[in-house]
Protein backbone atom coordinates (compact mmCIF):
# COMPACT_ATOMS: atom_id res chain seq x y z
CA MET A 1 -200.71 -200.33 -96.17
CA SER A 2 -198.72 -202.23 -93.77
CA ALA A 3 -196.62 -205.33 -94.71
CA SER A 4 -199.00 -207.45 -92.64
CA SER A 5 -202.11 -206.20 -94.49
CA SER A 6 -203.36 -207.59 -97.89
CA SER A 7 -204.95 -205.46 -100.34
CA ALA A 8 -208.18 -207.50 -99.64
CA ASP A 9 -208.07 -206.02 -96.16
CA MET A 10 -207.80 -202.57 -97.38
CA PRO A 11 -210.81 -200.59 -98.79
CA ASP A 12 -210.58 -199.60 -102.43
CA ILE A 13 -209.26 -196.00 -102.19
CA PRO A 14 -207.66 -193.73 -104.69
CA ILE A 15 -203.91 -193.62 -105.29
CA LEU A 16 -202.33 -190.15 -105.27
CA HIS A 17 -199.25 -189.97 -107.21
CA VAL A 18 -197.18 -186.80 -106.10
CA CYS A 19 -194.30 -185.47 -108.26
CA LEU A 20 -191.41 -185.27 -105.89
CA THR A 21 -189.23 -183.40 -108.22
CA CYS A 22 -191.70 -180.49 -108.78
CA ARG A 23 -189.92 -177.27 -108.35
CA ARG A 24 -192.81 -174.72 -109.32
CA GLY A 25 -190.31 -173.38 -111.99
CA GLY A 26 -187.67 -172.25 -109.31
CA PRO A 27 -184.12 -173.38 -109.11
CA ALA A 28 -182.86 -176.64 -107.80
CA MET A 29 -183.12 -177.13 -104.28
CA ASP A 30 -182.73 -179.92 -101.46
CA ARG A 31 -186.49 -180.21 -100.65
CA PRO A 32 -188.69 -178.90 -103.60
CA PRO A 33 -192.11 -178.08 -103.11
CA GLY A 34 -193.23 -181.19 -104.63
CA ALA A 35 -191.47 -183.22 -102.12
CA GLN A 36 -192.86 -180.86 -99.30
CA LEU A 37 -196.27 -181.53 -100.65
CA TYR A 38 -195.74 -185.16 -100.54
CA ASP A 39 -194.43 -184.99 -96.75
CA ARG A 40 -197.33 -182.84 -95.95
CA LEU A 41 -199.96 -185.39 -97.27
CA LEU A 42 -198.24 -188.18 -95.49
CA ALA A 43 -198.06 -186.11 -92.40
CA LEU A 44 -201.89 -185.27 -92.52
CA THR A 45 -202.83 -189.08 -93.48
CA ASP A 46 -200.58 -190.23 -90.39
CA ALA A 47 -202.25 -187.55 -88.03
CA GLU A 48 -205.86 -188.63 -89.18
CA LYS A 49 -204.94 -192.40 -88.56
CA VAL A 50 -203.62 -191.65 -85.17
CA GLN A 51 -206.72 -189.33 -84.29
CA ASP A 52 -209.28 -192.27 -85.69
CA PRO A 53 -207.76 -195.48 -86.36
CA ALA A 54 -210.99 -196.70 -88.13
CA LEU A 55 -210.96 -193.88 -90.49
CA ILE A 56 -210.62 -194.85 -94.05
CA PRO A 57 -207.65 -193.11 -95.66
CA ALA A 58 -208.62 -190.51 -98.32
CA ALA A 59 -205.81 -191.87 -100.54
CA GLU A 60 -202.66 -194.01 -100.84
CA ILE A 61 -199.86 -191.45 -101.34
CA ARG A 62 -197.14 -192.55 -103.53
CA GLY A 63 -194.09 -190.30 -104.75
CA VAL A 64 -192.99 -190.46 -108.38
CA GLU A 65 -190.08 -188.77 -109.81
CA CYS A 66 -191.69 -186.70 -112.53
CA LEU A 67 -195.20 -186.11 -114.04
CA ALA A 68 -193.88 -184.14 -116.89
CA SER A 69 -195.86 -180.97 -116.10
CA CYS A 70 -192.84 -178.79 -114.83
CA ASP A 71 -194.21 -175.59 -116.07
CA ARG A 72 -197.45 -176.14 -114.00
CA GLY A 73 -196.04 -176.11 -110.50
CA CYS A 74 -196.27 -179.03 -108.25
CA THR A 75 -198.36 -181.85 -109.94
CA ALA A 76 -199.98 -185.02 -108.92
CA ALA A 77 -202.31 -187.58 -110.60
CA ILE A 78 -205.06 -189.25 -108.82
CA ALA A 79 -206.16 -192.82 -109.95
CA MET A 80 -208.80 -195.43 -108.84
CA LYS A 81 -210.16 -198.45 -110.70
CA GLY A 82 -213.25 -197.74 -112.72
CA ARG A 83 -212.77 -193.99 -112.69
CA TRP A 84 -211.14 -191.40 -114.62
CA THR A 85 -207.43 -190.62 -113.80
CA TRP A 86 -206.86 -186.77 -113.17
CA LEU A 87 -203.46 -184.98 -113.77
CA MET A 88 -203.55 -181.98 -111.35
CA GLY A 89 -201.41 -179.15 -111.14
CA HIS A 90 -200.60 -175.77 -109.63
CA LEU A 91 -200.40 -177.48 -106.20
CA GLY A 92 -198.23 -177.00 -103.22
CA PRO A 93 -197.85 -178.09 -99.38
CA GLU A 94 -200.38 -175.39 -98.62
CA LYS A 95 -203.04 -177.23 -100.53
CA ALA A 96 -202.60 -180.47 -99.02
CA GLU A 97 -205.70 -180.63 -96.76
CA ASP A 98 -207.94 -179.48 -99.86
CA ILE A 99 -206.35 -182.29 -101.99
CA LEU A 100 -207.27 -184.93 -99.32
CA THR A 101 -210.82 -183.47 -99.39
CA TYR A 102 -210.77 -183.82 -103.11
CA ALA A 103 -209.50 -187.32 -102.88
CA ARG A 104 -212.49 -188.34 -100.59
CA LEU A 105 -214.88 -186.68 -103.05
CA TYR A 106 -213.25 -188.25 -105.95
CA ALA A 107 -213.46 -191.88 -104.07
CA ALA A 108 -217.15 -191.17 -103.47
CA SER A 109 -217.87 -190.44 -107.05
CA LYS A 110 -219.28 -193.19 -109.54
CA LYS A 111 -216.69 -192.29 -112.40
CA GLY A 112 -214.08 -190.08 -110.86
CA THR A 113 -215.62 -186.79 -111.87
CA VAL A 114 -215.94 -184.09 -109.14
CA MET A 115 -217.64 -180.99 -110.44
CA PRO A 116 -215.74 -177.72 -110.04
CA SER A 117 -218.54 -176.47 -107.87
CA ARG A 118 -217.86 -179.36 -105.38
CA ARG A 119 -214.07 -178.88 -105.39
CA PRO A 120 -212.34 -176.82 -102.64
CA ALA A 121 -211.93 -173.31 -104.11
CA ALA A 122 -208.11 -173.57 -103.57
CA LEU A 123 -208.15 -176.31 -106.52
CA SER A 124 -210.24 -174.29 -108.86
CA ASP A 125 -207.33 -174.36 -111.36
CA MET A 126 -205.92 -177.80 -110.79
CA VAL A 127 -207.13 -179.90 -113.75
CA LEU A 128 -204.33 -180.40 -116.34
CA GLY A 129 -205.92 -183.33 -118.12
CA ARG A 130 -207.70 -186.69 -117.69
CA VAL A 131 -207.08 -190.40 -118.74
CA PRO A 132 -210.20 -192.71 -119.34
CA ALA A 133 -210.75 -195.51 -116.72
CA CYS A 134 -211.12 -198.08 -119.66
CA LEU A 135 -207.30 -198.05 -120.05
CA TYR A 136 -207.00 -199.61 -116.60
CA GLU A 137 -209.96 -201.95 -117.12
CA ARG A 138 -208.36 -203.30 -120.26
CA GLU A 139 -205.11 -203.80 -118.50
CA ASP A 140 -206.81 -205.96 -116.01
CA GLU A 141 -208.55 -208.03 -118.61
CA GLN A 142 -205.08 -209.05 -120.06
CA SER A 143 -203.73 -209.98 -116.85
């Protein structure tokens, strides 16, 4: 979202938090696979925007330092108001296109549940856990 846009101008899309520090259990490196996944997701969403400026983004991509699932490869969490939040693992830059496909399916779902049969095959082992949507709704009520 650009500085000139307000959240009211943007469609309601998921937020995809990508762990930048995930190394897939490997040694420390300058650009770990989690950061590579983040870079790839940004490149794909930027390319989509250039190709079709009217296309609603699959997700807002945000980098985070750690999602505490280091033994599960690259991890990410997808969240959207009124929907389950999903913690996903076993990811990598090679799955970026499938993650964006999943994000669109997630956004189109009523409660944030995308049945395994509807997910891209490369994401069959991605689910590590989920958090109820009511936690976000309650937070909004207290604001």
